Protein backbone atom coordinates (compact mmCIF):
# COMPACT_ATOMS: atom_id res chain seq x y z
CA MET A 1 84.10 242.66 -204.08
CA TYR A 2 82.78 243.55 -200.98
CA ILE A 3 84.84 246.57 -200.34
CA ASP A 4 82.04 249.32 -201.62
CA TYR A 5 79.24 247.42 -199.26
CA TRP A 6 81.36 247.40 -196.08
CA ARG A 7 82.42 250.87 -197.22
CA LEU A 8 85.95 249.91 -196.75
CA ASN A 9 89.07 251.02 -198.41
CA CYS A 10 90.95 248.13 -199.27
CA MET A 11 90.58 244.56 -198.74
CA PRO A 12 91.09 243.99 -195.01
CA PHE A 13 92.11 240.15 -194.83
CA GLU A 14 94.11 239.29 -197.55
CA ASN A 15 96.82 236.76 -196.85
CA VAL A 16 99.76 239.07 -197.74
CA SER A 17 102.22 240.57 -195.63
CA ASP A 18 101.66 244.25 -195.60
CA TYR A 19 103.43 246.00 -193.05
CA ARG A 20 100.74 248.45 -192.47
CA PHE A 21 98.15 245.32 -190.83
CA PHE A 22 100.82 244.54 -188.60
CA PHE A 23 98.83 243.85 -185.48
CA GLU A 24 101.31 243.63 -181.93
CA SER A 25 99.84 240.69 -180.10
CA GLU A 26 102.19 240.01 -177.21
CA ASP A 27 104.01 237.19 -178.91
CA HIS A 28 104.71 239.14 -182.37
CA ARG A 29 105.79 242.15 -180.44
CA GLU A 30 108.25 239.99 -178.88
CA ALA A 31 109.19 238.38 -182.04
CA ALA A 32 109.95 241.14 -183.79
CA THR A 33 111.43 242.87 -180.78
CA ARG A 34 114.11 239.91 -180.81
CA VAL A 35 114.79 240.21 -184.51
CA GLN A 36 115.12 243.99 -184.24
CA PHE A 37 117.52 243.66 -181.36
CA ALA A 38 119.32 240.61 -183.11
CA ILE A 39 119.97 243.19 -186.28
CA GLN A 40 120.68 246.51 -184.38
CA THR A 41 123.34 244.79 -181.94
CA ARG A 42 124.74 243.01 -185.27
CA LYS A 43 124.43 239.24 -183.96
CA LEU A 44 125.57 236.81 -186.38
CA MET A 45 122.21 235.02 -186.45
CA MET A 46 118.75 234.89 -185.55
CA LEU A 47 116.15 231.91 -185.77
CA LEU A 48 112.52 232.47 -186.05
CA ILE A 49 110.26 229.24 -186.11
CA GLY A 50 106.60 229.13 -185.87
CA ASP A 51 103.80 226.73 -187.84
CA TYR A 52 102.68 227.31 -191.00
CA GLY A 53 100.34 231.02 -191.07
CA VAL A 54 101.08 232.41 -187.62
CA GLY A 55 102.98 235.40 -189.13
CA LYS A 56 106.66 235.16 -189.30
CA THR A 57 106.95 236.60 -192.78
CA MET A 58 104.98 239.57 -191.30
CA VAL A 59 106.94 239.93 -188.34
CA CYS A 60 109.93 240.09 -190.70
CA GLU A 61 108.50 242.82 -193.52
CA THR A 62 107.86 244.74 -190.55
CA VAL A 63 110.80 244.88 -189.11
CA GLN A 64 112.34 245.51 -192.46
CA HIS A 65 110.08 248.34 -192.96
CA LYS A 66 111.59 250.16 -189.79
CA LEU A 67 115.28 249.61 -190.70
CA PRO A 68 116.82 253.18 -192.39
CA THR A 69 117.84 252.44 -195.56
CA ASN A 70 121.09 254.64 -194.99
CA GLU A 71 122.14 252.25 -192.35
CA TYR A 72 121.46 248.81 -193.59
CA LYS A 73 121.23 247.08 -196.83
CA VAL A 74 118.66 244.17 -196.61
CA VAL A 75 118.42 241.01 -198.45
CA PHE A 76 115.07 239.18 -198.54
CA ILE A 77 114.80 235.63 -199.97
CA ARG A 78 111.15 234.30 -200.09
CA ASN A 79 111.98 231.00 -201.65
CA PRO A 80 115.43 229.29 -200.95
CA ARG A 81 114.54 226.38 -202.71
CA MET A 82 117.88 226.36 -204.71
CA ASP A 83 121.41 224.85 -204.25
CA GLY A 84 123.70 226.81 -202.39
CA LEU A 85 125.31 228.70 -205.51
CA ASP A 86 122.18 229.83 -206.68
CA LEU A 87 121.26 231.07 -202.98
CA THR A 88 124.55 233.23 -202.75
CA ARG A 89 124.23 234.62 -206.57
CA GLU A 90 120.66 235.80 -205.43
CA ILE A 91 122.30 237.50 -202.15
CA ALA A 92 124.97 238.97 -204.36
CA TYR A 93 122.15 240.11 -207.00
CA GLN A 94 120.05 241.48 -204.05
CA LEU A 95 123.20 243.31 -202.52
CA GLY A 96 123.78 245.11 -205.91
CA GLU A 97 125.75 242.83 -207.98
CA GLU A 98 124.65 240.60 -210.66
CA VAL A 99 127.04 237.42 -210.48
CA HIS A 100 127.39 234.86 -213.47
CA THR A 101 129.93 232.58 -211.84
CA ARG A 102 129.49 229.05 -211.69
CA SER A 103 132.14 228.78 -209.15
CA PRO A 104 131.09 228.48 -205.66
CA TYR A 105 134.25 230.12 -204.80
CA ASP A 106 134.18 233.26 -206.72
CA ALA A 107 130.37 233.38 -205.91
CA LEU A 108 131.20 233.77 -202.00
CA HIS A 109 134.19 235.92 -202.72
CA ALA A 110 131.63 238.33 -204.66
CA VAL A 111 129.49 238.55 -201.64
CA ASN A 112 132.34 238.93 -199.30
CA ASN A 113 133.51 242.23 -201.38
CA LEU A 114 129.77 243.55 -201.45
CA LEU A 115 129.56 243.18 -197.56
CA GLN A 116 132.83 245.11 -197.02
CA ARG A 117 131.69 247.68 -199.74
CA HIS A 118 128.39 248.79 -197.78
CA ALA A 119 130.18 248.13 -194.29
CA SER A 120 132.61 250.91 -195.71
CA THR A 121 129.81 253.54 -196.34
CA GLY A 122 128.19 252.60 -192.86
CA ARG A 123 125.74 249.86 -193.82
CA HIS A 124 125.04 246.53 -191.87
CA SER A 125 123.64 243.81 -194.03
CA VAL A 126 120.78 241.81 -193.41
CA VAL A 127 119.82 238.62 -194.94
CA PHE A 128 116.29 237.52 -194.40
CA VAL A 129 115.72 234.00 -195.46
CA ASP A 130 111.78 233.50 -195.18
CA GLU A 131 110.53 229.68 -195.54
CA ALA A 132 113.68 228.23 -194.42
CA GLN A 133 112.48 225.07 -193.90
CA LEU A 134 112.55 224.67 -197.63
CA ILE A 135 116.53 224.86 -197.94
CA MET A 136 117.50 221.76 -200.08
CA ASN A 137 120.34 220.42 -197.94
CA THR A 138 122.71 221.07 -195.18
CA SER A 139 125.64 221.76 -197.81
CA THR A 140 123.41 225.24 -198.48
CA LEU A 141 123.28 225.74 -194.80
CA GLU A 142 126.83 225.78 -194.81
CA ASP A 143 127.16 228.12 -197.69
CA LEU A 144 125.29 230.47 -195.66
CA ARG A 145 127.53 229.86 -192.95
CA LEU A 146 130.43 230.70 -194.50
CA LEU A 147 129.20 234.27 -195.35
CA LEU A 148 129.07 234.53 -191.35
CA ASN A 149 132.74 234.48 -191.05
CA ASN A 150 133.11 238.25 -192.60
CA GLN A 151 133.95 240.68 -189.89
CA GLU A 152 135.74 243.89 -189.39
CA GLY A 153 137.17 245.29 -186.75
CA GLY A 154 135.85 242.57 -184.53
CA ARG A 155 132.28 243.03 -185.48
CA SER A 156 130.20 240.89 -188.22
CA LEU A 157 129.55 242.69 -191.38
CA MET A 158 126.38 240.28 -191.51
CA THR A 159 123.06 239.60 -189.72
CA LEU A 160 121.70 236.39 -190.95
CA VAL A 161 117.70 236.13 -189.75
CA LEU A 162 116.30 232.39 -190.93
CA SER A 163 112.48 232.38 -190.41
CA GLY A 164 110.65 228.75 -191.21
CA GLN A 165 108.91 226.12 -189.89
CA SER A 166 109.88 223.35 -187.11
CA GLU A 167 111.88 221.44 -189.89
CA ILE A 168 114.57 224.05 -189.93
CA GLY A 169 115.31 223.33 -186.37
CA ASP A 170 115.86 220.08 -186.93
CA MET A 171 117.96 220.34 -189.95
CA LEU A 172 120.26 223.13 -188.14
CA LYS A 173 120.80 220.65 -185.04
CA ALA A 174 122.79 218.59 -187.49
CA LYS A 175 125.11 221.11 -187.60
CA PRO A 176 126.40 222.25 -184.86
CA GLN A 177 128.76 225.02 -186.25
CA ILE A 178 125.64 226.93 -187.26
CA MET A 179 124.04 226.34 -184.09
CA GLN A 180 126.49 227.57 -182.16
CA ARG A 181 126.59 230.84 -184.47
CA ILE A 182 122.39 231.56 -183.36
CA ALA A 183 122.44 234.53 -180.77
CA LEU A 184 118.58 234.51 -180.39
CA LYS A 185 115.97 232.14 -181.11
CA TYR A 186 111.88 232.56 -180.83
CA ASN A 187 109.10 230.42 -181.55
CA ILE A 188 105.62 232.00 -182.47
CA MET A 189 102.50 230.69 -181.19
CA GLY A 190 100.22 232.86 -183.19
CA LEU A 191 97.06 234.31 -181.73
CA SER A 192 95.74 234.17 -178.37
CA ALA A 193 92.00 233.51 -178.04
CA GLY A 194 91.85 236.79 -176.40
CA ASP A 195 94.04 238.44 -179.33
CA VAL A 196 91.67 237.52 -182.20
CA ARG A 197 88.78 240.25 -181.56
CA PRO A 198 91.07 243.10 -181.44
CA TYR A 199 93.14 241.40 -184.65
CA ILE A 200 90.35 241.61 -186.35
CA GLU A 201 89.09 245.14 -185.32
CA HIS A 202 92.52 246.53 -186.53
CA ARG A 203 92.79 244.95 -189.58
CA ILE A 204 89.25 246.85 -190.33
CA GLN A 205 90.37 250.04 -189.14
CA VAL A 206 93.34 250.15 -191.30
CA ALA A 207 91.33 249.24 -194.39
CA GLY A 208 89.23 252.25 -193.14
CA GLY A 209 86.28 250.39 -191.58
CA THR A 210 84.14 251.88 -189.10
CA GLY A 211 81.90 250.38 -186.88
CA ASN A 212 81.48 246.41 -185.50
CA LEU A 213 81.28 244.69 -188.68
CA PHE A 214 81.25 241.17 -186.99
CA ASP A 215 78.95 241.07 -183.77
CA GLU A 216 80.98 239.67 -180.73
CA SER A 217 79.72 236.38 -180.96
CA ALA A 218 80.84 235.83 -184.17
CA MET A 219 84.56 236.69 -183.65
CA GLN A 220 84.48 234.46 -180.49
CA GLU A 221 83.33 231.49 -183.00
CA ILE A 222 86.22 232.86 -185.52
CA ALA A 223 88.79 232.58 -182.42
CA SER A 224 87.23 229.04 -181.76
CA LEU A 225 87.45 228.00 -185.39
CA SER A 226 90.33 229.47 -186.24
CA LYS A 227 92.56 228.22 -183.29
CA GLY A 228 94.48 231.68 -183.26
CA ASN A 229 96.18 231.27 -186.56
CA PRO A 230 96.30 234.29 -188.33
CA ARG A 231 96.49 232.75 -191.91
CA GLU A 232 92.85 230.93 -191.08
CA VAL A 233 91.29 234.00 -189.11
CA ASN A 234 91.98 236.00 -192.27
CA SER A 235 90.72 233.26 -194.49
CA LEU A 236 87.43 232.92 -192.99
CA CYS A 237 86.79 236.53 -192.00
CA ASP A 238 87.53 237.48 -195.52
CA LEU A 239 84.89 234.74 -196.79
CA CYS A 240 82.62 235.97 -194.49
CA LEU A 241 82.72 239.55 -195.53
CA LEU A 242 81.96 238.05 -199.05
CA ILE A 243 79.19 235.61 -198.34
CA GLY A 244 77.64 238.78 -195.57
CA SER A 245 77.39 241.32 -198.58
CA LEU A 246 75.80 238.78 -200.78
CA LYS A 247 73.05 237.91 -197.99
CA GLN A 248 73.40 241.82 -197.26
CA ALA A 249 73.69 241.32 -193.64
CA SER A 250 74.00 244.62 -191.72
CA SER A 251 76.85 242.67 -189.88
CA ILE A 252 78.68 239.41 -189.65
CA THR A 253 77.00 236.95 -187.57
CA VAL A 254 77.74 233.31 -185.96
CA PRO A 255 75.56 231.52 -188.81
CA ILE A 256 77.48 233.62 -191.67
CA VAL A 257 80.63 232.39 -190.15
CA ARG A 258 79.78 228.83 -189.58
CA ASP A 259 78.55 229.13 -193.19
CA ALA A 260 81.96 229.98 -194.13
CA TRP A 261 83.28 227.58 -192.27
CA MET A 262 81.96 224.60 -193.86
CA GLU A 263 82.26 226.39 -197.18
CA ARG A 264 86.27 226.10 -196.44
CA ALA A 265 85.92 222.50 -195.01
């Protein structure tokens, strides 16, 4: 690996959602603020939409990390490609109880009891559903809607955060009874051209790097080629650092960026 060559403590451009690397561009800051607001004010539902790789999961996991565990019980569904019953049982499991029933009613009842149990201890339940465009059908969305019916003292016991690509928005339009429950919606666009340089520098700094590993012109080239998609920036920068170490370069230059881009094409 190139970590030792560039004097880093860890890989700076891994395409995993590590909240330590969260970069507060104006777009991502607003997205995180809206999600956090929806949770703190106990809204029924929040919808976060964006193209692949723009940082939806990173936003959700960063917000999750900031939630005090004594005030919130968090469920995080990373792959919702399952039927409604299995999704309800997975939510119950993450809320603290393994449910084996094959009855949708019993599974829903179990989740309701768990929501009330956490509420009785002062904890609001939050369910993040990532990659929500993978939800199999509208009947599964209906099962999620039924979970939102739990209220106590006029306040919801659960906030549902759906995060996904634009297809989830199209699916929800066919379910107006769910659309009516969406209190907040935000569309993440990714990084602007001016965000890419501080984004790269931020991730290198978090990884323990010092100095300018990327030339100014190289970062401009990365911004142009990646079109501001954070996942594309990460993949390109990661390969640049590898190629640069193999070439024993002192920094990443435009020719190295172009070599990396051609290799990924």
